Amino acid sequence: MSAIELLDNLPEIPDETPTLNVMEVPLPQTRWVLGHNGVVQMIVKANSHHRHPFTAISGVRDAREYDTRQVGIPLSGWAVFRCNGHTVERGYLFDEKGNVTPQEGRTHPLRVGESALIGGPKA
């Protein structure tokens, strides 16, 4: 794999306004992560748990086209997955299971079979 790369030519996709219940309390949102070659490129909060907001970006597949529990998240090309309960920022690395980690001194994205749950060389 090549060095860690952040893409700058992505369209801006804003977070969706939360849906409110009858008591005007916001319903929980899903954080969708757009990754490219194992690196988090964009995080967007959306109201849908089933449809990601990255349909405007060419080459990004519908998240329903692969079941991440069965085949894993692709580490090459585009990847879309839900990130719930994790701290995630642009530039973080992800593994095939959707776990994310800061770069921690790594000079390349995680490889197939390498876990994001194991610290990097400068952790």
PDB file of N, CA and C in Angstrom:
ATOM      1  N   MET A   1       0.832  -1.179   0.000  1.00  0.00           N
ATOM      2  CA  MET A   1       0.000   0.000   0.000  1.00  0.00           C
ATOM      3  C   MET A   1       0.876   1.241   0.000  1.00  0.00           C
ATOM      4  N   SER A   2       0.280   2.316  -0.471  1.00  0.00           N
ATOM      5  CA  SER A   2       1.030   3.564  -0.538  1.00  0.00           C
ATOM      6  C   SER A   2       0.952   4.308   0.792  1.00  0.00           C
ATOM      7  N   ALA A   3       1.553   5.467   0.823  1.00  0.00           N
ATOM      8  CA  ALA A   3       1.548   6.302   2.028  1.00  0.00           C
ATOM      9  C   ALA A   3       0.120   6.778   2.327  1.00  0.00           C
ATOM     10  N   ILE A   4      -0.090   7.240   3.529  1.00  0.00           N
ATOM     11  CA  ILE A   4      -1.401   7.735   3.947  1.00  0.00           C
ATOM     12  C   ILE A   4      -1.718   9.000   3.171  1.00  0.00           C
ATOM     13  N   GLU A   5      -2.895   9.011   2.537  1.00  0.00           N
ATOM     14  CA  GLU A   5      -3.241  10.116   1.649  1.00  0.00           C
ATOM     15  C   GLU A   5      -4.633  10.652   1.986  1.00  0.00           C
ATOM     16  N   LEU A   6      -4.740  11.973   2.143  1.00  0.00           N
ATOM     17  CA  LEU A   6      -6.033  12.631   2.323  1.00  0.00           C
ATOM     18  C   LEU A   6      -6.423  13.309   1.019  1.00  0.00           C
ATOM     19  N   LEU A   7      -7.655  13.097   0.598  1.00  0.00           N
ATOM     20  CA  LEU A   7      -8.141  13.675  -0.649  1.00  0.00           C
ATOM     21  C   LEU A   7      -8.757  15.042  -0.372  1.00  0.00           C
ATOM     22  N   ASP A   8      -8.427  16.032  -1.207  1.00  0.00           N
ATOM     23  CA  ASP A   8      -8.926  17.389  -1.011  1.00  0.00           C
ATOM     24  C   ASP A   8     -10.043  17.767  -1.971  1.00  0.00           C
ATOM     25  N   ASN A   9     -10.298  16.954  -2.982  1.00  0.00           N
ATOM     26  CA  ASN A   9     -11.264  17.330  -4.014  1.00  0.00           C
ATOM     27  C   ASN A   9     -12.644  16.707  -3.802  1.00  0.00           C
ATOM     28  N   LEU A  10     -12.999  16.379  -2.561  1.00  0.00           N
ATOM     29  CA  LEU A  10     -14.302  15.796  -2.285  1.00  0.00           C
ATOM     30  C   LEU A  10     -15.351  16.892  -2.132  1.00  0.00           C
ATOM     31  N   PRO A  11     -16.588  16.626  -2.587  1.00  0.00           N
ATOM     32  CA  PRO A  11     -17.638  17.634  -2.387  1.00  0.00           C
ATOM     33  C   PRO A  11     -17.985  17.750  -0.904  1.00  0.00           C
ATOM     34  N   GLU A  12     -18.421  18.922  -0.497  1.00  0.00           N
ATOM     35  CA  GLU A  12     -18.804  19.108   0.901  1.00  0.00           C
ATOM     36  C   GLU A  12     -20.203  18.541   1.111  1.00  0.00           C
ATOM     37  N   ILE A  13     -20.339  17.651   2.053  1.00  0.00           N
ATOM     38  CA  ILE A  13     -21.631  17.058   2.384  1.00  0.00           C
ATOM     39  C   ILE A  13     -21.920  17.408   3.839  1.00  0.00           C
ATOM     40  N   PRO A  14     -22.912  18.269   4.087  1.00  0.00           N
ATOM     41  CA  PRO A  14     -23.181  18.688   5.464  1.00  0.00           C
ATOM     42  C   PRO A  14     -23.903  17.616   6.268  1.00  0.00           C
ATOM     43  N   ASP A  15     -23.793  17.709   7.595  1.00  0.00           N
ATOM     44  CA  ASP A  15     -24.569  16.842   8.472  1.00  0.00           C
ATOM     45  C   ASP A  15     -26.048  17.153   8.277  1.00  0.00           C
ATOM     46  N   GLU A  16     -26.888  16.119   8.389  1.00  0.00           N
ATOM     47  CA  GLU A  16     -28.330  16.330   8.303  1.00  0.00           C
ATOM     48  C   GLU A  16     -28.848  16.915   9.610  1.00  0.00           C
ATOM     49  N   THR A  17     -29.905  17.692   9.522  1.00  0.00           N
ATOM     50  CA  THR A  17     -30.566  18.214  10.712  1.00  0.00           C
ATOM     51  C   THR A  17     -31.277  17.053  11.399  1.00  0.00           C
ATOM     52  N   PRO A  18     -31.081  16.887  12.705  1.00  0.00           N
ATOM     53  CA  PRO A  18     -31.719  15.753  13.387  1.00  0.00           C
ATOM     54  C   PRO A  18     -33.241  15.815  13.301  1.00  0.00           C
ATOM     55  N   THR A  19     -33.860  14.646  13.171  1.00  0.00           N
ATOM     56  CA  THR A  19     -35.307  14.530  13.230  1.00  0.00           C
ATOM     57  C   THR A  19     -35.728  14.623  14.685  1.00  0.00           C
ATOM     58  N   LEU A  20     -36.813  15.340  14.937  1.00  0.00           N
ATOM     59  CA  LEU A  20     -37.298  15.503  16.305  1.00  0.00           C
ATOM     60  C   LEU A  20     -38.518  14.615  16.536  1.00  0.00           C
ATOM     61  N   ASN A  21     -38.638  14.082  17.752  1.00  0.00           N
ATOM     62  CA  ASN A  21     -39.840  13.328  18.085  1.00  0.00           C
ATOM     63  C   ASN A  21     -40.938  14.307  18.506  1.00  0.00           C
ATOM     64  N   VAL A  22     -42.101  13.798  18.942  1.00  0.00           N
ATOM     65  CA  VAL A  22     -43.228  14.671  19.260  1.00  0.00           C
ATOM     66  C   VAL A  22     -42.935  15.584  20.442  1.00  0.00           C
ATOM     67  N   MET A  23     -41.974  15.221  21.278  1.00  0.00           N
ATOM     68  CA  MET A  23     -41.593  16.076  22.403  1.00  0.00           C
ATOM     69  C   MET A  23     -40.446  17.009  22.032  1.00  0.00           C
ATOM     70  N   GLU A  24     -40.125  17.034  20.742  1.00  0.00           N
ATOM     71  CA  GLU A  24     -39.061  17.864  20.177  1.00  0.00           C
ATOM     72  C   GLU A  24     -37.677  17.516  20.717  1.00  0.00           C
ATOM     73  N   VAL A  25     -37.495  16.236  20.989  1.00  0.00           N
ATOM     74  CA  VAL A  25     -36.193  15.715  21.393  1.00  0.00           C
ATOM     75  C   VAL A  25     -35.556  15.110  20.141  1.00  0.00           C
ATOM     76  N   PRO A  26     -34.309  15.442  19.837  1.00  0.00           N
ATOM     77  CA  PRO A  26     -33.673  14.891  18.635  1.00  0.00           C
ATOM     78  C   PRO A  26     -33.492  13.373  18.729  1.00  0.00           C
ATOM     79  N   LEU A  27     -33.811  12.693  17.638  1.00  0.00           N
ATOM     80  CA  LEU A  27     -33.593  11.253  17.556  1.00  0.00           C
ATOM     81  C   LEU A  27     -32.121  10.984  17.273  1.00  0.00           C
ATOM     82  N   PRO A  28     -31.611   9.825  17.685  1.00  0.00           N
ATOM     83  CA  PRO A  28     -30.199   9.518  17.432  1.00  0.00           C
ATOM     84  C   PRO A  28     -29.891   9.497  15.928  1.00  0.00           C
ATOM     85  N   GLN A  29     -28.699   9.941  15.604  1.00  0.00           N
ATOM     86  CA  GLN A  29     -28.245   9.924  14.215  1.00  0.00           C
ATOM     87  C   GLN A  29     -27.137   8.882  14.047  1.00  0.00           C
ATOM     88  N   THR A  30     -26.891   8.518  12.803  1.00  0.00           N
ATOM     89  CA  THR A  30     -25.818   7.591  12.454  1.00  0.00           C
ATOM     90  C   THR A  30     -24.653   8.378  11.876  1.00  0.00           C
ATOM     91  N   ARG A  31     -23.449   8.075  12.357  1.00  0.00           N
ATOM     92  CA  ARG A  31     -22.253   8.682  11.756  1.00  0.00           C
ATOM     93  C   ARG A  31     -21.768   7.755  10.649  1.00  0.00           C
ATOM     94  N   TRP A  32     -21.826   8.233   9.423  1.00  0.00           N
ATOM     95  CA  TRP A  32     -21.336   7.487   8.275  1.00  0.00           C
ATOM     96  C   TRP A  32     -19.917   7.938   7.958  1.00  0.00           C
ATOM     97  N   VAL A  33     -19.063   6.976   7.681  1.00  0.00           N
ATOM     98  CA  VAL A  33     -17.662   7.249   7.370  1.00  0.00           C
ATOM     99  C   VAL A  33     -17.407   6.899   5.909  1.00  0.00           C
ATOM    100  N   LEU A  34     -16.780   7.820   5.204  1.00  0.00           N
ATOM    101  CA  LEU A  34     -16.321   7.569   3.847  1.00  0.00           C
ATOM    102  C   LEU A  34     -14.816   7.396   3.919  1.00  0.00           C
ATOM    103  N   GLY A  35     -14.345   6.254   3.483  1.00  0.00           N
ATOM    104  CA  GLY A  35     -12.915   5.980   3.487  1.00  0.00           C
ATOM    105  C   GLY A  35     -12.397   5.732   2.087  1.00  0.00           C
ATOM    106  N   HIS A  36     -11.122   5.977   1.907  1.00  0.00           N
ATOM    107  CA  HIS A  36     -10.471   5.686   0.629  1.00  0.00           C
ATOM    108  C   HIS A  36      -9.101   5.090   0.927  1.00  0.00           C
ATOM    109  N   ASN A  37      -8.876   3.882   0.428  1.00  0.00           N
ATOM    110  CA  ASN A  37      -7.614   3.159   0.629  1.00  0.00           C
ATOM    111  C   ASN A  37      -7.226   3.063   2.104  1.00  0.00           C
ATOM    112  N   GLY A  38      -8.204   2.778   2.960  1.00  0.00           N
ATOM    113  CA  GLY A  38      -7.934   2.539   4.375  1.00  0.00           C
ATOM    114  C   GLY A  38      -7.813   3.771   5.244  1.00  0.00           C
ATOM    115  N   VAL A  39      -8.103   4.960   4.681  1.00  0.00           N
ATOM    116  CA  VAL A  39      -7.981   6.215   5.421  1.00  0.00           C
ATOM    117  C   VAL A  39      -9.343   6.911   5.451  1.00  0.00           C
ATOM    118  N   VAL A  40      -9.769   7.358   6.634  1.00  0.00           N
ATOM    119  CA  VAL A  40     -11.033   8.083   6.764  1.00  0.00           C
ATOM    120  C   VAL A  40     -10.908   9.426   6.060  1.00  0.00           C
ATOM    121  N   GLN A  41     -11.809   9.681   5.113  1.00  0.00           N
ATOM    122  CA  GLN A  41     -11.788  10.926   4.350  1.00  0.00           C
ATOM    123  C   GLN A  41     -12.870  11.906   4.796  1.00  0.00           C
ATOM    124  N   MET A  42     -14.027  11.365   5.253  1.00  0.00           N
ATOM    125  CA  MET A  42     -15.144  12.234   5.600  1.00  0.00           C
ATOM    126  C   MET A  42     -16.060  11.516   6.584  1.00  0.00           C
ATOM    127  N   ILE A  43     -16.626  12.271   7.518  1.00  0.00           N
ATOM    128  CA  ILE A  43     -17.602  11.748   8.470  1.00  0.00           C
ATOM    129  C   ILE A  43     -18.829  12.648   8.391  1.00  0.00           C
ATOM    130  N   VAL A  44     -20.006  12.047   8.197  1.00  0.00           N
ATOM    131  CA  VAL A  44     -21.244  12.813   8.092  1.00  0.00           C
ATOM    132  C   VAL A  44     -22.301  12.171   8.980  1.00  0.00           C
ATOM    133  N   LYS A  45     -23.001  12.996   9.762  1.00  0.00           N
ATOM    134  CA  LYS A  45     -24.123  12.510  10.573  1.00  0.00           C
ATOM    135  C   LYS A  45     -25.385  12.544   9.722  1.00  0.00           C
ATOM    136  N   ALA A  46     -26.115  11.422   9.723  1.00  0.00           N
ATOM    137  CA  ALA A  46     -27.340  11.310   8.928  1.00  0.00           C
ATOM    138  C   ALA A  46     -28.444  10.675   9.759  1.00  0.00           C
ATOM    139  N   ASN A  47     -29.665  10.919   9.339  1.00  0.00           N
ATOM    140  CA  ASN A  47     -30.806  10.351  10.050  1.00  0.00           C
ATOM    141  C   ASN A  47     -31.044   8.893   9.671  1.00  0.00           C
ATOM    142  N   SER A  48     -30.610   8.479   8.501  1.00  0.00           N
ATOM    143  CA  SER A  48     -30.835   7.111   8.049  1.00  0.00           C
ATOM    144  C   SER A  48     -29.727   6.180   8.534  1.00  0.00           C
ATOM    145  N   HIS A  49     -30.140   5.048   9.050  1.00  0.00           N
ATOM    146  CA  HIS A  49     -29.191   4.009   9.468  1.00  0.00           C
ATOM    147  C   HIS A  49     -28.885   3.058   8.312  1.00  0.00           C
ATOM    148  N   HIS A  50     -29.661   3.170   7.216  1.00  0.00           N
ATOM    149  CA  HIS A  50     -29.538   2.220   6.113  1.00  0.00           C
ATOM    150  C   HIS A  50     -28.980   2.813   4.827  1.00  0.00           C
ATOM    151  N   ARG A  51     -29.104   4.123   4.634  1.00  0.00           N
ATOM    152  CA  ARG A  51     -28.629   4.745   3.393  1.00  0.00           C
ATOM    153  C   ARG A  51     -27.592   5.814   3.729  1.00  0.00           C
ATOM    154  N   HIS A  52     -26.406   5.676   3.157  1.00  0.00           N
ATOM    155  CA  HIS A  52     -25.351   6.655   3.420  1.00  0.00           C
ATOM    156  C   HIS A  52     -25.550   7.924   2.587  1.00  0.00           C
ATOM    157  N   PRO A  53     -24.945   9.029   3.011  1.00  0.00           N
ATOM    158  CA  PRO A  53     -25.126  10.307   2.312  1.00  0.00           C
ATOM    159  C   PRO A  53     -24.106  10.585   1.212  1.00  0.00           C
ATOM    160  N   PHE A  54     -23.311   9.596   0.812  1.00  0.00           N
ATOM    161  CA  PHE A  54     -22.213   9.840  -0.126  1.00  0.00           C
ATOM    162  C   PHE A  54     -22.551   9.467  -1.564  1.00  0.00           C
ATOM    163  N   THR A  55     -23.832   9.435  -1.912  1.00  0.00           N
ATOM    164  CA  THR A  55     -24.229   9.000  -3.248  1.00  0.00           C
ATOM    165  C   THR A  55     -23.757   9.960  -4.349  1.00  0.00           C
ATOM    166  N   ALA A  56     -23.456  11.212  -4.010  1.00  0.00           N
ATOM    167  CA  ALA A  56     -23.021  12.190  -5.013  1.00  0.00           C
ATOM    168  C   ALA A  56     -21.576  11.961  -5.464  1.00  0.00           C
ATOM    169  N   ILE A  57     -20.838  11.129  -4.763  1.00  0.00           N
ATOM    170  CA  ILE A  57     -19.428  10.899  -5.101  1.00  0.00           C
ATOM    171  C   ILE A  57     -19.341   9.684  -6.018  1.00  0.00           C
ATOM    172  N   SER A  58     -18.794   9.892  -7.228  1.00  0.00           N
ATOM    173  CA  SER A  58     -18.722   8.791  -8.189  1.00  0.00           C
ATOM    174  C   SER A  58     -17.750   7.721  -7.707  1.00  0.00           C
ATOM    175  N   GLY A  59     -18.138   6.490  -7.928  1.00  0.00           N
ATOM    176  CA  GLY A  59     -17.307   5.357  -7.529  1.00  0.00           C
ATOM    177  C   GLY A  59     -17.628   4.815  -6.155  1.00  0.00           C
ATOM    178  N   VAL A  60     -18.461   5.514  -5.376  1.00  0.00           N
ATOM    179  CA  VAL A  60     -18.834   5.036  -4.044  1.00  0.00           C
ATOM    180  C   VAL A  60     -20.035   4.127  -4.189  1.00  0.00           C
ATOM    181  N   ARG A  61     -19.883   2.903  -3.706  1.00  0.00           N
ATOM    182  CA  ARG A  61     -20.957   1.915  -3.814  1.00  0.00           C
ATOM    183  C   ARG A  61     -22.013   2.154  -2.745  1.00  0.00           C
ATOM    184  N   ASP A  62     -23.189   1.638  -3.003  1.00  0.00           N
ATOM    185  CA  ASP A  62     -24.243   1.662  -2.002  1.00  0.00           C
ATOM    186  C   ASP A  62     -23.823   0.731  -0.873  1.00  0.00           C
ATOM    187  N   ALA A  63     -23.977   1.171   0.360  1.00  0.00           N
ATOM    188  CA  ALA A  63     -23.544   0.375   1.514  1.00  0.00           C
ATOM    189  C   ALA A  63     -24.256  -0.966   1.581  1.00  0.00           C
ATOM    190  N   ARG A  64     -25.413  -1.069   0.935  1.00  0.00           N
ATOM    191  CA  ARG A  64     -26.145  -2.336   0.951  1.00  0.00           C
ATOM    192  C   ARG A  64     -25.524  -3.380   0.013  1.00  0.00           C
ATOM    193  N   GLU A  65     -24.570  -2.984  -0.816  1.00  0.00           N
ATOM    194  CA  GLU A  65     -23.982  -3.909  -1.775  1.00  0.00           C
ATOM    195  C   GLU A  65     -23.024  -4.908  -1.133  1.00  0.00           C
ATOM    196  N   TYR A  66     -22.553  -4.616   0.065  1.00  0.00           N
ATOM    197  CA  TYR A  66     -21.718  -5.581   0.758  1.00  0.00           C
ATOM    198  C   TYR A  66     -22.068  -5.575   2.234  1.00  0.00           C
ATOM    199  N   ASP A  67     -22.086  -6.754   2.791  1.00  0.00           N
ATOM    200  CA  ASP A  67     -22.401  -6.920   4.205  1.00  0.00           C
ATOM    201  C   ASP A  67     -21.080  -6.983   4.944  1.00  0.00           C
ATOM    202  N   THR A  68     -20.765  -5.925   5.700  1.00  0.00           N
ATOM    203  CA  THR A  68     -19.457  -5.845   6.346  1.00  0.00           C
ATOM    204  C   THR A  68     -19.254  -6.937   7.387  1.00  0.00           C
ATOM    205  N   ARG A  69     -20.336  -7.520   7.899  1.00  0.00           N
ATOM    206  CA  ARG A  69     -20.178  -8.608   8.873  1.00  0.00           C
ATOM    207  C   ARG A  69     -19.708  -9.889   8.193  1.00  0.00           C
ATOM    208  N   GLN A  70     -19.974 -10.029   6.891  1.00  0.00           N
ATOM    209  CA  GLN A  70     -19.622 -11.243   6.170  1.00  0.00           C
ATOM    210  C   GLN A  70     -18.286 -11.117   5.431  1.00  0.00           C
ATOM    211  N   VAL A  71     -18.117 -10.041   4.666  1.00  0.00           N
ATOM    212  CA  VAL A  71     -16.931  -9.939   3.810  1.00  0.00           C
ATOM    213  C   VAL A  71     -15.936  -8.894   4.270  1.00  0.00           C
ATOM    214  N   GLY A  72     -16.297  -8.045   5.201  1.00  0.00           N
ATOM    215  CA  GLY A  72     -15.382  -7.020   5.672  1.00  0.00           C
ATOM    216  C   GLY A  72     -15.448  -5.760   4.835  1.00  0.00           C
ATOM    217  N   ILE A  73     -14.883  -4.715   5.365  1.00  0.00           N
ATOM    218  CA  ILE A  73     -14.848  -3.416   4.696  1.00  0.00           C
ATOM    219  C   ILE A  73     -13.635  -3.399   3.780  1.00  0.00           C
ATOM    220  N   PRO A  74     -13.824  -3.011   2.511  1.00  0.00           N
ATOM    221  CA  PRO A  74     -12.679  -3.001   1.600  1.00  0.00           C
ATOM    222  C   PRO A  74     -11.620  -1.988   2.037  1.00  0.00           C
ATOM    223  N   LEU A  75     -10.357  -2.385   1.971  1.00  0.00           N
ATOM    224  CA  LEU A  75      -9.250  -1.509   2.341  1.00  0.00           C
ATOM    225  C   LEU A  75      -8.592  -0.857   1.132  1.00  0.00           C
ATOM    226  N   SER A  76      -9.091  -1.168  -0.052  1.00  0.00           N
ATOM    227  CA  SER A  76      -8.604  -0.490  -1.256  1.00  0.00           C
ATOM    228  C   SER A  76      -9.802   0.088  -1.987  1.00  0.00           C
ATOM    229  N   GLY A  77      -9.622   1.254  -2.549  1.00  0.00           N
ATOM    230  CA  GLY A  77     -10.743   1.947  -3.186  1.00  0.00           C
ATOM    231  C   GLY A  77     -11.636   2.587  -2.139  1.00  0.00           C
ATOM    232  N   TRP A  78     -12.868   2.890  -2.546  1.00  0.00           N
ATOM    233  CA  TRP A  78     -13.823   3.527  -1.652  1.00  0.00           C
ATOM    234  C   TRP A  78     -14.447   2.527  -0.703  1.00  0.00           C
ATOM    235  N   ALA A  79     -14.753   2.994   0.507  1.00  0.00           N
ATOM    236  CA  ALA A  79     -15.460   2.185   1.497  1.00  0.00           C
ATOM    237  C   ALA A  79     -16.392   3.097   2.281  1.00  0.00           C
ATOM    238  N   VAL A  80     -17.575   2.590   2.595  1.00  0.00           N
ATOM    239  CA  VAL A  80     -18.546   3.327   3.405  1.00  0.00           C
ATOM    240  C   VAL A  80     -18.979   2.419   4.535  1.00  0.00           C
ATOM    241  N   PHE A  81     -18.961   2.945   5.754  1.00  0.00           N
ATOM    242  CA  PHE A  81     -19.426   2.146   6.889  1.00  0.00           C
ATOM    243  C   PHE A  81     -19.946   3.047   7.994  1.00  0.00           C
ATOM    244  N   ARG A  82     -20.743   2.458   8.871  1.00  0.00           N
ATOM    245  CA  ARG A  82     -21.283   3.187  10.021  1.00  0.00           C
ATOM    246  C   ARG A  82     -20.272   3.139  11.144  1.00  0.00           C
ATOM    247  N   CYS A  83     -20.119   4.252  11.830  1.00  0.00           N
ATOM    248  CA  CYS A  83     -19.195   4.332  12.956  1.00  0.00           C
ATOM    249  C   CYS A  83     -19.979   4.796  14.174  1.00  0.00           C
ATOM    250  N   ASN A  84     -20.312   3.865  15.037  1.00  0.00           N
ATOM    251  CA  ASN A  84     -21.101   4.174  16.230  1.00  0.00           C
ATOM    252  C   ASN A  84     -20.263   3.898  17.465  1.00  0.00           C
ATOM    253  N   GLY A  85     -20.204   4.877  18.353  1.00  0.00           N
ATOM    254  CA  GLY A  85     -19.518   4.680  19.617  1.00  0.00           C
ATOM    255  C   GLY A  85     -18.014   4.855  19.572  1.00  0.00           C
ATOM    256  N   HIS A  86     -17.476   5.280  18.444  1.00  0.00           N
ATOM    257  CA  HIS A  86     -16.032   5.488  18.328  1.00  0.00           C
ATOM    258  C   HIS A  86     -15.732   6.964  18.170  1.00  0.00           C
ATOM    259  N   THR A  87     -14.565   7.371  18.593  1.00  0.00           N
ATOM    260  CA  THR A  87     -14.051   8.680  18.223  1.00  0.00           C
ATOM    261  C   THR A  87     -13.402   8.501  16.858  1.00  0.00           C
ATOM    262  N   VAL A  88     -13.813   9.291  15.904  1.00  0.00           N
ATOM    263  CA  VAL A  88     -13.258   9.176  14.558  1.00  0.00           C
ATOM    264  C   VAL A  88     -13.048  10.575  13.997  1.00  0.00           C
ATOM    265  N   GLU A  89     -11.932  10.750  13.319  1.00  0.00           N
ATOM    266  CA  GLU A  89     -11.612  12.024  12.679  1.00  0.00           C
ATOM    267  C   GLU A  89     -11.034  11.751  11.301  1.00  0.00           C
ATOM    268  N   ARG A  90     -11.065  12.773  10.478  1.00  0.00           N
ATOM    269  CA  ARG A  90     -10.472  12.673   9.141  1.00  0.00           C
ATOM    270  C   ARG A  90      -8.989  12.342   9.293  1.00  0.00           C
ATOM    271  N   GLY A  91      -8.519  11.378   8.516  1.00  0.00           N
ATOM    272  CA  GLY A  91      -7.117  10.972   8.585  1.00  0.00           C
ATOM    273  C   GLY A  91      -6.892   9.733   9.443  1.00  0.00           C
ATOM    274  N   TYR A  92      -7.896   9.323  10.226  1.00  0.00           N
ATOM    275  CA  TYR A  92      -7.767   8.076  10.988  1.00  0.00           C
ATOM    276  C   TYR A  92      -7.704   6.904  10.018  1.00  0.00           C
ATOM    277  N   LEU A  93      -7.173   5.797  10.474  1.00  0.00           N
ATOM    278  CA  LEU A  93      -7.101   4.576   9.688  1.00  0.00           C
ATOM    279  C   LEU A  93      -8.206   3.638  10.143  1.00  0.00           C
ATOM    280  N   PHE A  94      -8.649   2.752   9.260  1.00  0.00           N
ATOM    281  CA  PHE A  94      -9.656   1.769   9.645  1.00  0.00           C
ATOM    282  C   PHE A  94      -9.251   0.384   9.160  1.00  0.00           C
ATOM    283  N   ASP A  95      -9.794  -0.634   9.862  1.00  0.00           N
ATOM    284  CA  ASP A  95      -9.530  -2.019   9.471  1.00  0.00           C
ATOM    285  C   ASP A  95     -10.774  -2.622   8.826  1.00  0.00           C
ATOM    286  N   GLU A  96     -10.708  -3.900   8.478  1.00  0.00           N
ATOM    287  CA  GLU A  96     -11.794  -4.572   7.776  1.00  0.00           C
ATOM    288  C   GLU A  96     -13.070  -4.694   8.600  1.00  0.00           C
ATOM    289  N   LYS A  97     -12.975  -4.540   9.906  1.00  0.00           N
ATOM    290  CA  LYS A  97     -14.137  -4.670  10.789  1.00  0.00           C
ATOM    291  C   LYS A  97     -14.786  -3.325  11.101  1.00  0.00           C
ATOM    292  N   GLY A  98     -14.211  -2.226  10.622  1.00  0.00           N
ATOM    293  CA  GLY A  98     -14.758  -0.910  10.887  1.00  0.00           C
ATOM    294  C   GLY A  98     -14.203  -0.258  12.138  1.00  0.00           C
ATOM    295  N   ASN A  99     -13.190  -0.871  12.741  1.00  0.00           N
ATOM    296  CA  ASN A  99     -12.522  -0.241  13.881  1.00  0.00           C
ATOM    297  C   ASN A  99     -11.619   0.862  13.350  1.00  0.00           C
ATOM    298  N   VAL A 100     -11.536   1.961  14.080  1.00  0.00           N
ATOM    299  CA  VAL A 100     -10.720   3.088  13.642  1.00  0.00           C
ATOM    300  C   VAL A 100      -9.628   3.374  14.662  1.00  0.00           C
ATOM    301  N   THR A 101      -8.548   3.989  14.188  1.00  0.00           N
ATOM    302  CA  THR A 101      -7.417   4.314  15.046  1.00  0.00           C
ATOM    303  C   THR A 101      -6.698   5.542  14.502  1.00  0.00           C
ATOM    304  N   PRO A 102      -6.114   6.359  15.381  1.00  0.00           N
ATOM    305  CA  PRO A 102      -5.252   7.431  14.884  1.00  0.00           C
ATOM    306  C   PRO A 102      -4.040   6.829  14.164  1.00  0.00           C
ATOM    307  N   GLN A 103      -3.337   7.626  13.419  1.00  0.00           N
ATOM    308  CA  GLN A 103      -2.183   7.112  12.661  1.00  0.00           C
ATOM    309  C   GLN A 103      -1.074   6.610  13.574  1.00  0.00           C
ATOM    310  N   GLU A 104      -0.857   7.238  14.713  1.00  0.00           N
ATOM    311  CA  GLU A 104       0.123   6.787  15.711  1.00  0.00           C
ATOM    312  C   GLU A 104       1.485   6.454  15.116  1.00  0.00           C
ATOM    313  N   GLY A 105       1.957   7.288  14.228  1.00  0.00           N
ATOM    314  CA  GLY A 105       3.284   7.094  13.658  1.00  0.00           C
ATOM    315  C   GLY A 105       3.348   6.128  12.484  1.00  0.00           C
ATOM    316  N   ARG A 106       2.221   5.573  12.086  1.00  0.00           N
ATOM    317  CA  ARG A 106       2.230   4.667  10.926  1.00  0.00           C
ATOM    318  C   ARG A 106       2.454   5.475   9.656  1.00  0.00           C
ATOM    319  N   THR A 107       3.151   4.882   8.716  1.00  0.00           N
ATOM    320  CA  THR A 107       3.434   5.556   7.448  1.00  0.00           C
ATOM    321  C   THR A 107       2.626   4.976   6.305  1.00  0.00           C
ATOM    322  N   HIS A 108       1.767   3.999   6.594  1.00  0.00           N
ATOM    323  CA  HIS A 108       0.937   3.369   5.570  1.00  0.00           C
ATOM    324  C   HIS A 108      -0.393   2.963   6.196  1.00  0.00           C
ATOM    325  N   PRO A 109      -1.455   2.829   5.393  1.00  0.00           N
ATOM    326  CA  PRO A 109      -2.726   2.345   5.923  1.00  0.00           C
ATOM    327  C   PRO A 109      -2.589   0.919   6.455  1.00  0.00           C
ATOM    328  N   LEU A 110      -3.579   0.482   7.225  1.00  0.00           N
ATOM    329  CA  LEU A 110      -3.560  -0.884   7.748  1.00  0.00           C
ATOM    330  C   LEU A 110      -3.683  -1.876   6.609  1.00  0.00           C
ATOM    331  N   ARG A 111      -3.036  -3.007   6.759  1.00  0.00           N
ATOM    332  CA  ARG A 111      -3.082  -4.060   5.746  1.00  0.00           C
ATOM    333  C   ARG A 111      -4.182  -5.058   6.087  1.00  0.00           C
ATOM    334  N   VAL A 112      -4.548  -5.878   5.134  1.00  0.00           N
ATOM    335  CA  VAL A 112      -5.554  -6.917   5.362  1.00  0.00           C
ATOM    336  C   VAL A 112      -5.093  -7.797   6.519  1.00  0.00           C
ATOM    337  N   GLY A 113      -5.979  -7.993   7.492  1.00  0.00           N
ATOM    338  CA  GLY A 113      -5.652  -8.805   8.662  1.00  0.00           C
ATOM    339  C   GLY A 113      -5.031  -8.035   9.807  1.00  0.00           C
ATOM    340  N   GLU A 114      -4.621  -6.795   9.580  1.00  0.00           N
ATOM    341  CA  GLU A 114      -4.028  -5.966  10.627  1.00  0.00           C
ATOM    342  C   GLU A 114      -5.140  -5.236  11.372  1.00  0.00           C
ATOM    343  N   SER A 115      -5.146  -5.289  12.685  1.00  0.00           N
ATOM    344  CA  SER A 115      -6.223  -4.722  13.486  1.00  0.00           C
ATOM    345  C   SER A 115      -5.940  -3.278  13.881  1.00  0.00           C
ATOM    346  N   ALA A 116      -6.995  -2.461  13.849  1.00  0.00           N
ATOM    347  CA  ALA A 116      -6.876  -1.081  14.333  1.00  0.00           C
ATOM    348  C   ALA A 116      -6.838  -1.025  15.848  1.00  0.00           C
ATOM    349  N   LEU A 117      -7.134  -2.125  16.501  1.00  0.00           N
ATOM    350  CA  LEU A 117      -7.167  -2.151  17.961  1.00  0.00           C
ATOM    351  C   LEU A 117      -5.781  -2.298  18.570  1.00  0.00           C
ATOM    352  N   ILE A 118      -4.774  -2.567  17.760  1.00  0.00           N
ATOM    353  CA  ILE A 118      -3.389  -2.686  18.225  1.00  0.00           C
ATOM    354  C   ILE A 118      -2.691  -1.363  17.961  1.00  0.00           C
ATOM    355  N   GLY A 119      -2.028  -0.808  18.950  1.00  0.00           N
ATOM    356  CA  GLY A 119      -1.379   0.486  18.822  1.00  0.00           C
ATOM    357  C   GLY A 119      -0.288   0.509  17.781  1.00  0.00           C
ATOM    358  N   GLY A 120      -0.048   1.699  17.248  1.00  0.00           N
ATOM    359  CA  GLY A 120       0.996   1.887  16.246  1.00  0.00           C
ATOM    360  C   GLY A 120       2.353   2.014  16.905  1.00  0.00           C
ATOM    361  N   PRO A 121       3.409   2.246  16.107  1.00  0.00           N
ATOM    362  CA  PRO A 121       4.770   2.293  16.641  1.00  0.00           C
ATOM    363  C   PRO A 121       5.018   3.431  17.631  1.00  0.00           C
ATOM    364  N   LYS A 122       4.201   4.494  17.579  1.00  0.00           N
ATOM    365  CA  LYS A 122       4.404   5.619  18.502  1.00  0.00           C
ATOM    366  C   LYS A 122       3.250   5.751  19.489  1.00  0.00           C
ATOM    367  N   ALA A 123       2.510   4.681  19.720  1.00  0.00           N
ATOM    368  CA  ALA A 123       1.373   4.734  20.642  1.00  0.00           C
ATOM    369  C   ALA A 123       1.837   4.702  22.079  1.00  0.00           C
TER     370      ALA A 123
END
